[in-house]
Amino acid sequence: MANTEISVLRSFLFAPGNHPRRVEKALALGADAVILDLEDAVAVAEKAATRQTIVAALSRPRRCRGYVRVNAIGTPWCLRDLMEVVGPGLDGIVLPKVESAADLRTIDWLITNLERERGLPVGRIDLMPIIETAVGFSRLDRILGARTLRDTPGPWRVRRISFGAGDFTNDVGMTWTPGEEELSELRVRMIVSSRAAGLEPPVDTVWIHLQDAAALRRSVERSLRMGFQGRLCIHPDQVAVVNEIFTPTAEAVGRAQRIVKAFEEAEAAGLAAIQVDGVFVDYPIVYRAQRTLAASAAIGKLDPA
């Protein structure tokens, strides 16, 4: 299903690449994207054999996007991971523990040359970095500025970043509580820095408290309010909740349609400030309504009726 048309990705479901049955199930669960893992979920002794298991899985028909989380750039496995998994069935690479702009430029260069060598359109494969260390956060703006330092021709393949709270809190010795208040500043920084760099909204971290469904819902709703475009998921049951919350409701779409229509009529009459449903509306409110309609249309392509 490799393509570049989808601009809203709500749910990224991780699946260990060395478990073919779990991979097959994950690809059919309704996530917008599935991340087949070569990193933390795969033992060192199984990493080499898992690469071809993943390639085989990505070669079969599916409705979701297929990503692979390779091992970090400083490990002995990253290069071979890329050399074996980059191919026509791959939609994106998830790169863990990114800590510099050089990390992104290096992996971009490698993917670009593999695309050329294998007759693939250059730039088609996404590269989604995970920011999950103190060093990575301390250099976030420089990392997101990697495009301006790039000397490889072709489109920039980093469209969005993601947050890895588990590794980050472990790295800095922070306690990751169910309320997640300690993560608020980090999340805001990811939102603002992504916007300043001209990227899509980022993808928020996984939820690890698997038995607390109510808290999961609160956490995902918080991600939506803060401006993320979706969540990483580590359990199949999380996908439906994430997709639901990140899908504009019929009420929200209807309100956005009324705002856009009323403002177009008002603007034609020379007005740029009106009321719709008792709410003040000017250009920023209209732009937000337009984004809601665009997101709804993009999600409609993911979830056709």
C-alpha atoms as a PDB file:
ATOM      1  CA  MET A   1       0.000   0.000   0.000  1.00  0.00           C
ATOM      2  CA  ALA A   2       2.951   2.357  -0.280  1.00  0.00           C
ATOM      3  CA  ASN A   3       1.771   5.877  -1.140  1.00  0.00           C
ATOM      4  CA  THR A   4       2.167   9.528  -0.112  1.00  0.00           C
ATOM      5  CA  GLU A   5      -1.455  10.651  -0.130  1.00  0.00           C
ATOM      6  CA  ILE A   6      -2.359  10.129   3.531  1.00  0.00           C
ATOM      7  CA  SER A   7      -1.466  13.151   5.655  1.00  0.00           C
ATOM      8  CA  VAL A   8      -3.217  12.185   8.903  1.00  0.00           C
ATOM      9  CA  LEU A   9      -2.055   9.081  10.757  1.00  0.00           C
ATOM     10  CA  ARG A  10      -3.857   8.517  14.042  1.00  0.00           C
ATOM     11  CA  SER A  11      -2.541   5.164  15.253  1.00  0.00           C
ATOM     12  CA  PHE A  12       0.844   3.466  14.925  1.00  0.00           C
ATOM     13  CA  LEU A  13       0.686  -0.078  16.331  1.00  0.00           C
ATOM     14  CA  PHE A  14       3.933  -1.802  17.292  1.00  0.00           C
ATOM     15  CA  ALA A  15       4.322  -5.522  16.578  1.00  0.00           C
ATOM     16  CA  PRO A  16       7.422  -7.634  17.268  1.00  0.00           C
ATOM     17  CA  GLY A  17       8.858  -8.573  13.895  1.00  0.00           C
ATOM     18  CA  ASN A  18       9.962 -12.004  15.037  1.00  0.00           C
ATOM     19  CA  HIS A  19       6.417 -13.258  15.725  1.00  0.00           C
ATOM     20  CA  PRO A  20       4.799 -13.885  12.298  1.00  0.00           C
ATOM     21  CA  ARG A  21       1.326 -14.560  13.707  1.00  0.00           C
ATOM     22  CA  ARG A  22       1.333 -11.378  15.778  1.00  0.00           C
ATOM     23  CA  VAL A  23       2.584  -9.443  12.756  1.00  0.00           C
ATOM     24  CA  GLU A  24      -0.183 -10.864  10.571  1.00  0.00           C
ATOM     25  CA  LYS A  25      -2.789  -9.991  13.208  1.00  0.00           C
ATOM     26  CA  ALA A  26      -1.427  -6.477  13.733  1.00  0.00           C
ATOM     27  CA  LEU A  27      -1.633  -5.688  10.027  1.00  0.00           C
ATOM     28  CA  ALA A  28      -5.360  -6.470  10.049  1.00  0.00           C
ATOM     29  CA  LEU A  29      -6.450  -4.662  13.236  1.00  0.00           C
ATOM     30  CA  GLY A  30      -7.401  -1.302  11.742  1.00  0.00           C
ATOM     31  CA  ALA A  31      -4.389   0.768  12.775  1.00  0.00           C
ATOM     32  CA  ASP A  32      -3.488   3.479  10.297  1.00  0.00           C
ATOM     33  CA  ALA A  33       0.099   2.233  10.413  1.00  0.00           C
ATOM     34  CA  VAL A  34       1.838  -0.809  11.857  1.00  0.00           C
ATOM     35  CA  ILE A  35       5.450  -0.629  13.041  1.00  0.00           C
ATOM     36  CA  LEU A  36       7.188  -3.992  12.700  1.00  0.00           C
ATOM     37  CA  ASP A  37       9.907  -3.926  15.312  1.00  0.00           C
ATOM     38  CA  LEU A  38      13.551  -4.908  14.935  1.00  0.00           C
ATOM     39  CA  GLU A  39      14.692  -3.015  18.021  1.00  0.00           C
ATOM     40  CA  ASP A  40      13.587  -3.524  21.634  1.00  0.00           C
ATOM     41  CA  ALA A  41      11.068  -6.313  20.978  1.00  0.00           C
ATOM     42  CA  VAL A  42      13.600  -8.573  19.238  1.00  0.00           C
ATOM     43  CA  ALA A  43      16.433 -10.413  21.006  1.00  0.00           C
ATOM     44  CA  VAL A  44      19.942  -9.923  19.633  1.00  0.00           C
ATOM     45  CA  ALA A  45      20.139 -13.551  18.517  1.00  0.00           C
ATOM     46  CA  GLU A  46      16.990 -13.151  16.396  1.00  0.00           C
ATOM     47  CA  LYS A  47      17.578  -9.769  14.764  1.00  0.00           C
ATOM     48  CA  ALA A  48      19.188 -11.072  11.559  1.00  0.00           C
ATOM     49  CA  ALA A  49      16.518 -13.701  10.834  1.00  0.00           C
ATOM     50  CA  THR A  50      13.705 -11.279  11.696  1.00  0.00           C
ATOM     51  CA  ARG A  51      14.601  -8.923   8.849  1.00  0.00           C
ATOM     52  CA  GLN A  52      13.431 -11.340   6.180  1.00  0.00           C
ATOM     53  CA  THR A  53      10.320 -12.216   8.192  1.00  0.00           C
ATOM     54  CA  ILE A  54       9.426  -8.537   8.097  1.00  0.00           C
ATOM     55  CA  VAL A  55      10.164  -8.207   4.376  1.00  0.00           C
ATOM     56  CA  ALA A  56       7.858 -11.152   3.672  1.00  0.00           C
ATOM     57  CA  ALA A  57       5.071  -9.640   5.786  1.00  0.00           C
ATOM     58  CA  LEU A  58       5.321  -6.275   4.016  1.00  0.00           C
ATOM     59  CA  SER A  59       5.126  -7.941   0.607  1.00  0.00           C
ATOM     60  CA  ARG A  60       1.574  -9.171   1.267  1.00  0.00           C
ATOM     61  CA  PRO A  61      -1.582  -7.068   0.618  1.00  0.00           C
ATOM     62  CA  ARG A  62      -2.729  -4.853   3.487  1.00  0.00           C
ATOM     63  CA  ARG A  63      -4.847  -1.760   4.107  1.00  0.00           C
ATOM     64  CA  CYS A  64      -2.533  -0.011   6.582  1.00  0.00           C
ATOM     65  CA  ARG A  65       0.850   1.586   6.124  1.00  0.00           C
ATOM     66  CA  GLY A  66       3.835  -0.596   6.937  1.00  0.00           C
ATOM     67  CA  TYR A  67       6.770   0.822   8.888  1.00  0.00           C
ATOM     68  CA  VAL A  68       9.856  -0.837  10.374  1.00  0.00           C
ATOM     69  CA  ARG A  69      11.586   0.311  13.540  1.00  0.00           C
ATOM     70  CA  VAL A  70      15.239  -0.391  12.866  1.00  0.00           C
ATOM     71  CA  ASN A  71      17.926  -0.428  15.509  1.00  0.00           C
ATOM     72  CA  ALA A  72      19.523   2.872  16.526  1.00  0.00           C
ATOM     73  CA  ILE A  73      22.215   4.356  14.312  1.00  0.00           C
ATOM     74  CA  GLY A  74      24.976   3.644  16.841  1.00  0.00           C
ATOM     75  CA  THR A  75      24.291  -0.104  17.002  1.00  0.00           C
ATOM     76  CA  PRO A  76      25.889  -2.905  14.937  1.00  0.00           C
ATOM     77  CA  TRP A  77      22.538  -3.743  13.304  1.00  0.00           C
ATOM     78  CA  CYS A  78      21.222  -0.478  11.846  1.00  0.00           C
ATOM     79  CA  LEU A  79      22.972  -0.578   8.466  1.00  0.00           C
ATOM     80  CA  ARG A  80      22.009  -4.165   7.695  1.00  0.00           C
ATOM     81  CA  ASP A  81      18.447  -3.488   8.904  1.00  0.00           C
ATOM     82  CA  LEU A  82      18.105  -0.771   6.267  1.00  0.00           C
ATOM     83  CA  MET A  83      19.797  -2.736   3.518  1.00  0.00           C
ATOM     84  CA  GLU A  84      17.422  -5.652   3.954  1.00  0.00           C
ATOM     85  CA  VAL A  85      14.071  -3.965   4.625  1.00  0.00           C
ATOM     86  CA  VAL A  86      14.109  -1.048   2.167  1.00  0.00           C
ATOM     87  CA  GLY A  87      11.975  -2.206  -0.735  1.00  0.00           C
ATOM     88  CA  PRO A  88       8.674  -1.746  -2.556  1.00  0.00           C
ATOM     89  CA  GLY A  89       6.537  -2.941   0.375  1.00  0.00           C
ATOM     90  CA  LEU A  90       7.935  -0.449   2.879  1.00  0.00           C
ATOM     91  CA  ASP A  91       6.174   2.834   3.684  1.00  0.00           C
ATOM     92  CA  GLY A  92       8.484   4.136   6.374  1.00  0.00           C
ATOM     93  CA  ILE A  93      11.425   3.706   8.713  1.00  0.00           C
ATOM     94  CA  VAL A  94      11.097   4.514  12.410  1.00  0.00           C
ATOM     95  CA  LEU A  95      14.496   5.546  13.775  1.00  0.00           C
ATOM     96  CA  PRO A  96      14.898   5.264  17.561  1.00  0.00           C
ATOM     97  CA  LYS A  97      17.049   7.341  19.897  1.00  0.00           C
ATOM     98  CA  VAL A  98      17.785  10.146  17.443  1.00  0.00           C
ATOM     99  CA  GLU A  99      20.228  12.589  19.003  1.00  0.00           C
ATOM    100  CA  SER A 100      21.541  14.786  16.191  1.00  0.00           C
ATOM    101  CA  ALA A 101      20.772  16.251  12.803  1.00  0.00           C
ATOM    102  CA  ALA A 102      23.641  14.128  11.494  1.00  0.00           C
ATOM    103  CA  ASP A 103      21.689  10.997  12.477  1.00  0.00           C
ATOM    104  CA  LEU A 104      18.807  12.019  10.219  1.00  0.00           C
ATOM    105  CA  ARG A 105      20.992  13.164   7.341  1.00  0.00           C
ATOM    106  CA  THR A 106      22.962   9.916   7.426  1.00  0.00           C
ATOM    107  CA  ILE A 107      19.891   7.671   7.414  1.00  0.00           C
ATOM    108  CA  ASP A 108      18.219   9.839   4.770  1.00  0.00           C
ATOM    109  CA  TRP A 109      21.318   9.463   2.567  1.00  0.00           C
ATOM    110  CA  LEU A 110      21.354   5.702   3.023  1.00  0.00           C
ATOM    111  CA  ILE A 111      17.647   5.309   2.234  1.00  0.00           C
ATOM    112  CA  THR A 112      17.961   7.609  -0.790  1.00  0.00           C
ATOM    113  CA  ASN A 113      20.760   5.527  -2.268  1.00  0.00           C
ATOM    114  CA  LEU A 114      18.916   2.272  -1.590  1.00  0.00           C
ATOM    115  CA  GLU A 115      15.824   3.712  -3.306  1.00  0.00           C
ATOM    116  CA  ARG A 116      17.897   4.639  -6.348  1.00  0.00           C
ATOM    117  CA  GLU A 117      19.658   1.295  -6.434  1.00  0.00           C
ATOM    118  CA  ARG A 118      16.361  -0.592  -6.231  1.00  0.00           C
ATOM    119  CA  GLY A 119      14.370   1.498  -8.676  1.00  0.00           C
ATOM    120  CA  LEU A 120      12.088   3.090  -6.078  1.00  0.00           C
ATOM    121  CA  PRO A 121      10.854   6.704  -6.221  1.00  0.00           C
ATOM    122  CA  VAL A 122      13.323   8.801  -4.254  1.00  0.00           C
ATOM    123  CA  GLY A 123      11.781  10.231  -1.100  1.00  0.00           C
ATOM    124  CA  ARG A 124       8.753   7.939  -1.060  1.00  0.00           C
ATOM    125  CA  ILE A 125       9.786   6.177   2.157  1.00  0.00           C
ATOM    126  CA  ASP A 126       9.023   8.138   5.333  1.00  0.00           C
ATOM    127  CA  LEU A 127      11.640   8.564   8.041  1.00  0.00           C
ATOM    128  CA  MET A 128      10.075   9.067  11.481  1.00  0.00           C
ATOM    129  CA  PRO A 129      12.560   9.772  14.287  1.00  0.00           C
ATOM    130  CA  ILE A 130      11.743   8.967  17.896  1.00  0.00           C
ATOM    131  CA  ILE A 131      12.966  11.589  20.361  1.00  0.00           C
ATOM    132  CA  GLU A 132      13.553   9.653  23.564  1.00  0.00           C
ATOM    133  CA  THR A 133      16.763  10.766  25.283  1.00  0.00           C
ATOM    134  CA  ALA A 134      17.941  13.828  27.160  1.00  0.00           C
ATOM    135  CA  VAL A 135      20.484  14.514  24.414  1.00  0.00           C
ATOM    136  CA  GLY A 136      17.782  14.254  21.766  1.00  0.00           C
ATOM    137  CA  PHE A 137      15.529  16.758  23.537  1.00  0.00           C
ATOM    138  CA  SER A 138      18.406  19.126  24.255  1.00  0.00           C
ATOM    139  CA  ARG A 139      19.127  19.252  20.508  1.00  0.00           C
ATOM    140  CA  LEU A 140      15.535  19.082  19.275  1.00  0.00           C
ATOM    141  CA  ASP A 141      15.536  22.292  17.227  1.00  0.00           C
ATOM    142  CA  ARG A 142      18.853  21.395  15.609  1.00  0.00           C
ATOM    143  CA  ILE A 143      17.564  17.900  14.813  1.00  0.00           C
ATOM    144  CA  LEU A 144      14.455  19.336  13.184  1.00  0.00           C
ATOM    145  CA  GLY A 145      16.672  21.708  11.223  1.00  0.00           C
ATOM    146  CA  ALA A 146      18.468  18.794   9.554  1.00  0.00           C
ATOM    147  CA  ARG A 147      16.717  19.539   6.261  1.00  0.00           C
ATOM    148  CA  THR A 148      18.473  22.917   5.902  1.00  0.00           C
ATOM    149  CA  LEU A 149      21.890  21.217   6.211  1.00  0.00           C
ATOM    150  CA  ARG A 150      21.060  18.426   3.773  1.00  0.00           C
ATOM    151  CA  ASP A 151      23.074  17.962   0.573  1.00  0.00           C
ATOM    152  CA  THR A 152      21.140  14.973  -0.809  1.00  0.00           C
ATOM    153  CA  PRO A 153      18.858  15.969  -3.719  1.00  0.00           C
ATOM    154  CA  GLY A 154      15.186  15.059  -3.599  1.00  0.00           C
ATOM    155  CA  PRO A 155      12.324  15.601  -1.126  1.00  0.00           C
ATOM    156  CA  TRP A 156      12.928  15.627   2.633  1.00  0.00           C
ATOM    157  CA  ARG A 157      11.504  12.380   3.989  1.00  0.00           C
ATOM    158  CA  VAL A 158      11.076  13.420   7.648  1.00  0.00           C
ATOM    159  CA  ARG A 159       7.410  14.439   7.789  1.00  0.00           C
ATOM    160  CA  ARG A 160       6.785  14.048  11.525  1.00  0.00           C
ATOM    161  CA  ILE A 161       8.561  13.068  14.735  1.00  0.00           C
ATOM    162  CA  SER A 162       7.389  10.893  17.611  1.00  0.00           C
ATOM    163  CA  PHE A 163       7.904  10.822  21.377  1.00  0.00           C
ATOM    164  CA  GLY A 164       9.353   7.896  23.322  1.00  0.00           C
ATOM    165  CA  ALA A 165       8.484   8.597  26.944  1.00  0.00           C
ATOM    166  CA  GLY A 166       9.572   5.204  28.268  1.00  0.00           C
ATOM    167  CA  ASP A 167      13.202   5.523  27.225  1.00  0.00           C
ATOM    168  CA  PHE A 168      13.246   9.229  28.042  1.00  0.00           C
ATOM    169  CA  THR A 169      12.010   8.868  31.613  1.00  0.00           C
ATOM    170  CA  ASN A 170      14.446   6.006  32.135  1.00  0.00           C
ATOM    171  CA  ASP A 171      17.295   8.083  30.707  1.00  0.00           C
ATOM    172  CA  VAL A 172      16.728  11.027  33.041  1.00  0.00           C
ATOM    173  CA  GLY A 173      15.501   9.095  36.096  1.00  0.00           C
ATOM    174  CA  MET A 174      12.002  10.574  35.924  1.00  0.00           C
ATOM    175  CA  THR A 175       8.974   8.753  37.331  1.00  0.00           C
ATOM    176  CA  TRP A 176       6.348   8.265  34.617  1.00  0.00           C
ATOM    177  CA  THR A 177       3.047   8.567  36.448  1.00  0.00           C
ATOM    178  CA  PRO A 178      -0.422   7.691  35.113  1.00  0.00           C
ATOM    179  CA  GLY A 179      -1.330  11.386  35.243  1.00  0.00           C
ATOM    180  CA  GLU A 180       1.681  12.248  33.034  1.00  0.00           C
ATOM    181  CA  GLU A 181       2.003  15.812  34.351  1.00  0.00           C
ATOM    182  CA  GLU A 182       5.784  15.430  34.236  1.00  0.00           C
ATOM    183  CA  LEU A 183       5.608  15.031  30.426  1.00  0.00           C
ATOM    184  CA  SER A 184       3.627  18.196  29.681  1.00  0.00           C
ATOM    185  CA  GLU A 185       6.572  20.498  29.001  1.00  0.00           C
ATOM    186  CA  LEU A 186       8.203  17.928  26.719  1.00  0.00           C
ATOM    187  CA  ARG A 187       5.014  17.470  24.744  1.00  0.00           C
ATOM    188  CA  VAL A 188       4.503  21.198  24.273  1.00  0.00           C
ATOM    189  CA  ARG A 189       8.060  21.530  23.053  1.00  0.00           C
ATOM    190  CA  MET A 190       7.551  18.786  20.472  1.00  0.00           C
ATOM    191  CA  ILE A 191       4.396  20.485  19.188  1.00  0.00           C
ATOM    192  CA  VAL A 192       5.967  23.945  18.943  1.00  0.00           C
ATOM    193  CA  SER A 193       9.266  22.766  17.452  1.00  0.00           C
ATOM    194  CA  SER A 194       7.512  20.618  14.860  1.00  0.00           C
ATOM    195  CA  ARG A 195       5.357  23.535  13.775  1.00  0.00           C
ATOM    196  CA  ALA A 196       8.349  25.887  13.618  1.00  0.00           C
ATOM    197  CA  ALA A 197      10.201  23.373  11.433  1.00  0.00           C
ATOM    198  CA  GLY A 198       7.274  23.041   9.034  1.00  0.00           C
ATOM    199  CA  LEU A 199       6.556  19.428   9.914  1.00  0.00           C
ATOM    200  CA  GLU A 200       3.239  17.672  10.466  1.00  0.00           C
ATOM    201  CA  PRO A 201       2.037  17.502  14.084  1.00  0.00           C
ATOM    202  CA  PRO A 202       4.043  14.873  15.990  1.00  0.00           C
ATOM    203  CA  VAL A 203       2.918  11.448  17.173  1.00  0.00           C
ATOM    204  CA  ASP A 204       2.619  11.033  20.929  1.00  0.00           C
ATOM    205  CA  THR A 205       4.130   8.282  23.051  1.00  0.00           C
ATOM    206  CA  VAL A 206       2.772   4.853  23.952  1.00  0.00           C
ATOM    207  CA  TRP A 207       0.497   4.201  26.945  1.00  0.00           C
ATOM    208  CA  ILE A 208       1.920   1.543  29.259  1.00  0.00           C
ATOM    209  CA  HIS A 209      -0.857   1.092  31.860  1.00  0.00           C
ATOM    210  CA  LEU A 210      -2.663  -1.596  29.913  1.00  0.00           C
ATOM    211  CA  GLN A 211      -5.346  -2.361  32.515  1.00  0.00           C
ATOM    212  CA  ASP A 212      -6.512   1.237  32.971  1.00  0.00           C
ATOM    213  CA  ALA A 213      -8.797   1.936  30.002  1.00  0.00           C
ATOM    214  CA  ALA A 214     -10.236   5.130  31.483  1.00  0.00           C
ATOM    215  CA  ALA A 215      -6.780   6.609  31.989  1.00  0.00           C
ATOM    216  CA  LEU A 216      -5.819   5.649  28.438  1.00  0.00           C
ATOM    217  CA  ARG A 217      -8.779   7.593  27.117  1.00  0.00           C
ATOM    218  CA  ARG A 218      -7.866  10.638  29.232  1.00  0.00           C
ATOM    219  CA  SER A 219      -4.278  10.481  28.008  1.00  0.00           C
ATOM    220  CA  VAL A 220      -5.260  10.236  24.335  1.00  0.00           C
ATOM    221  CA  GLU A 221      -7.758  13.090  24.710  1.00  0.00           C
ATOM    222  CA  ARG A 222      -4.954  15.161  26.230  1.00  0.00           C
ATOM    223  CA  SER A 223      -2.748  14.382  23.211  1.00  0.00           C
ATOM    224  CA  LEU A 224      -5.496  15.568  20.885  1.00  0.00           C
ATOM    225  CA  ARG A 225      -6.034  18.809  22.817  1.00  0.00           C
ATOM    226  CA  MET A 226      -2.304  19.531  22.809  1.00  0.00           C
ATOM    227  CA  GLY A 227      -2.055  19.223  19.032  1.00  0.00           C
ATOM    228  CA  PHE A 228      -0.597  15.782  18.323  1.00  0.00           C
ATOM    229  CA  GLN A 229      -1.867  13.965  15.246  1.00  0.00           C
ATOM    230  CA  GLY A 230      -1.928  10.490  16.795  1.00  0.00           C
ATOM    231  CA  ARG A 231      -0.431   7.987  19.226  1.00  0.00           C
ATOM    232  CA  LEU A 232       1.964   5.098  19.256  1.00  0.00           C
ATOM    233  CA  CYS A 233       0.174   1.928  20.439  1.00  0.00           C
ATOM    234  CA  ILE A 234       1.627  -1.168  22.095  1.00  0.00           C
ATOM    235  CA  HIS A 235      -1.563  -3.223  22.472  1.00  0.00           C
ATOM    236  CA  PRO A 236      -4.244  -4.028  19.878  1.00  0.00           C
ATOM    237  CA  ASP A 237      -7.014  -2.811  22.201  1.00  0.00           C
ATOM    238  CA  GLN A 238      -5.566   0.712  22.125  1.00  0.00           C
ATOM    239  CA  VAL A 239      -6.063   1.159  18.378  1.00  0.00           C
ATOM    240  CA  ALA A 240      -9.842   1.612  18.385  1.00  0.00           C
ATOM    241  CA  VAL A 241      -9.687   4.155  21.220  1.00  0.00           C
ATOM    242  CA  VAL A 242      -6.948   6.178  19.525  1.00  0.00           C
ATOM    243  CA  ASN A 243      -8.704   6.137  16.151  1.00  0.00           C
ATOM    244  CA  GLU A 244     -11.993   7.196  17.709  1.00  0.00           C
ATOM    245  CA  ILE A 245     -10.552  10.118  19.648  1.00  0.00           C
ATOM    246  CA  PHE A 246      -8.437  11.410  16.780  1.00  0.00           C
ATOM    247  CA  THR A 247     -11.356  11.270  14.341  1.00  0.00           C
ATOM    248  CA  PRO A 248     -13.398  14.500  14.244  1.00  0.00           C
ATOM    249  CA  THR A 249     -16.945  13.813  15.426  1.00  0.00           C
ATOM    250  CA  ALA A 250     -19.938  14.380  13.176  1.00  0.00           C
ATOM    251  CA  GLU A 251     -20.808  17.331  15.413  1.00  0.00           C
ATOM    252  CA  ALA A 252     -17.341  18.856  15.000  1.00  0.00           C
ATOM    253  CA  VAL A 253     -17.429  18.379  11.224  1.00  0.00           C
ATOM    254  CA  GLY A 254     -20.890  19.931  11.005  1.00  0.00           C
ATOM    255  CA  ARG A 255     -19.804  22.930  13.065  1.00  0.00           C
ATOM    256  CA  ALA A 256     -16.690  23.350  10.892  1.00  0.00           C
ATOM    257  CA  GLN A 257     -18.822  23.243   7.749  1.00  0.00           C
ATOM    258  CA  ARG A 258     -21.139  25.913   9.116  1.00  0.00           C
ATOM    259  CA  ILE A 259     -18.205  28.130  10.069  1.00  0.00           C
ATOM    260  CA  VAL A 260     -16.536  27.840   6.680  1.00  0.00           C
ATOM    261  CA  LYS A 261     -19.765  28.413   4.758  1.00  0.00           C
ATOM    262  CA  ALA A 262     -20.877  31.377   6.873  1.00  0.00           C
ATOM    263  CA  PHE A 263     -17.453  32.993   6.705  1.00  0.00           C
ATOM    264  CA  GLU A 264     -17.225  32.617   2.947  1.00  0.00           C
ATOM    265  CA  GLU A 265     -20.548  34.419   2.620  1.00  0.00           C
ATOM    266  CA  ALA A 266     -19.493  37.104   5.103  1.00  0.00           C
ATOM    267  CA  GLU A 267     -16.124  37.609   3.450  1.00  0.00           C
ATOM    268  CA  ALA A 268     -17.805  38.099   0.087  1.00  0.00           C
ATOM    269  CA  ALA A 269     -19.776  40.918   1.719  1.00  0.00           C
ATOM    270  CA  GLY A 270     -16.614  42.505   3.112  1.00  0.00           C
ATOM    271  CA  LEU A 271     -16.804  41.126   6.666  1.00  0.00           C
ATOM    272  CA  ALA A 272     -14.025  39.277   8.475  1.00  0.00           C
ATOM    273  CA  ALA A 273     -15.550  38.871  11.939  1.00  0.00           C
ATOM    274  CA  ILE A 274     -18.914  37.168  12.501  1.00  0.00           C
ATOM    275  CA  GLN A 275     -20.784  34.927  14.915  1.00  0.00           C
ATOM    276  CA  VAL A 276     -21.598  31.288  14.197  1.00  0.00           C
ATOM    277  CA  ASP A 277     -23.619  29.285  16.720  1.00  0.00           C
ATOM    278  CA  GLY A 278     -23.047  32.088  19.222  1.00  0.00           C
ATOM    279  CA  VAL A 279     -19.249  31.933  18.889  1.00  0.00           C
ATOM    280  CA  PHE A 280     -17.020  34.723  17.595  1.00  0.00           C
ATOM    281  CA  VAL A 281     -15.364  33.713  14.314  1.00  0.00           C
ATOM    282  CA  ASP A 282     -12.458  35.373  12.535  1.00  0.00           C
ATOM    283  CA  TYR A 283      -9.654  34.044  10.352  1.00  0.00           C
ATOM    284  CA  PRO A 284      -7.877  31.863  12.969  1.00  0.00           C
ATOM    285  CA  ILE A 285     -11.163  30.124  13.809  1.00  0.00           C
ATOM    286  CA  VAL A 286     -11.859  29.581  10.114  1.00  0.00           C
ATOM    287  CA  TYR A 287      -8.409  28.115   9.546  1.00  0.00           C
ATOM    288  CA  ARG A 288      -9.013  25.702  12.425  1.00  0.00           C
ATOM    289  CA  ALA A 289     -12.349  24.688  10.895  1.00  0.00           C
ATOM    290  CA  GLN A 290     -10.682  24.123   7.548  1.00  0.00           C
ATOM    291  CA  ARG A 291      -8.100  21.867   9.206  1.00  0.00           C
ATOM    292  CA  THR A 292     -10.897  19.872  10.828  1.00  0.00           C
ATOM    293  CA  LEU A 293     -12.540  19.327   7.449  1.00  0.00           C
ATOM    294  CA  ALA A 294      -9.215  18.399   5.848  1.00  0.00           C
ATOM    295  CA  ALA A 295      -8.481  15.906   8.613  1.00  0.00           C
ATOM    296  CA  SER A 296     -11.934  14.399   8.287  1.00  0.00           C
ATOM    297  CA  ALA A 297     -11.465  13.989   4.538  1.00  0.00           C
ATOM    298  CA  ALA A 298      -8.024  12.376   4.980  1.00  0.00           C
ATOM    299  CA  ILE A 299      -9.374   9.984   7.609  1.00  0.00           C
ATOM    300  CA  GLY A 300     -12.219   9.130   5.258  1.00  0.00           C
ATOM    301  CA  LYS A 301      -9.594   7.733   2.887  1.00  0.00           C
ATOM    302  CA  LEU A 302      -8.226   5.604   5.726  1.00  0.00           C
ATOM    303  CA  ASP A 303     -11.653   4.397   6.869  1.00  0.00           C
ATOM    304  CA  PRO A 304     -13.841   4.291   3.756  1.00  0.00           C
ATOM    305  CA  ALA A 305     -17.515   3.649   4.455  1.00  0.00           C
END
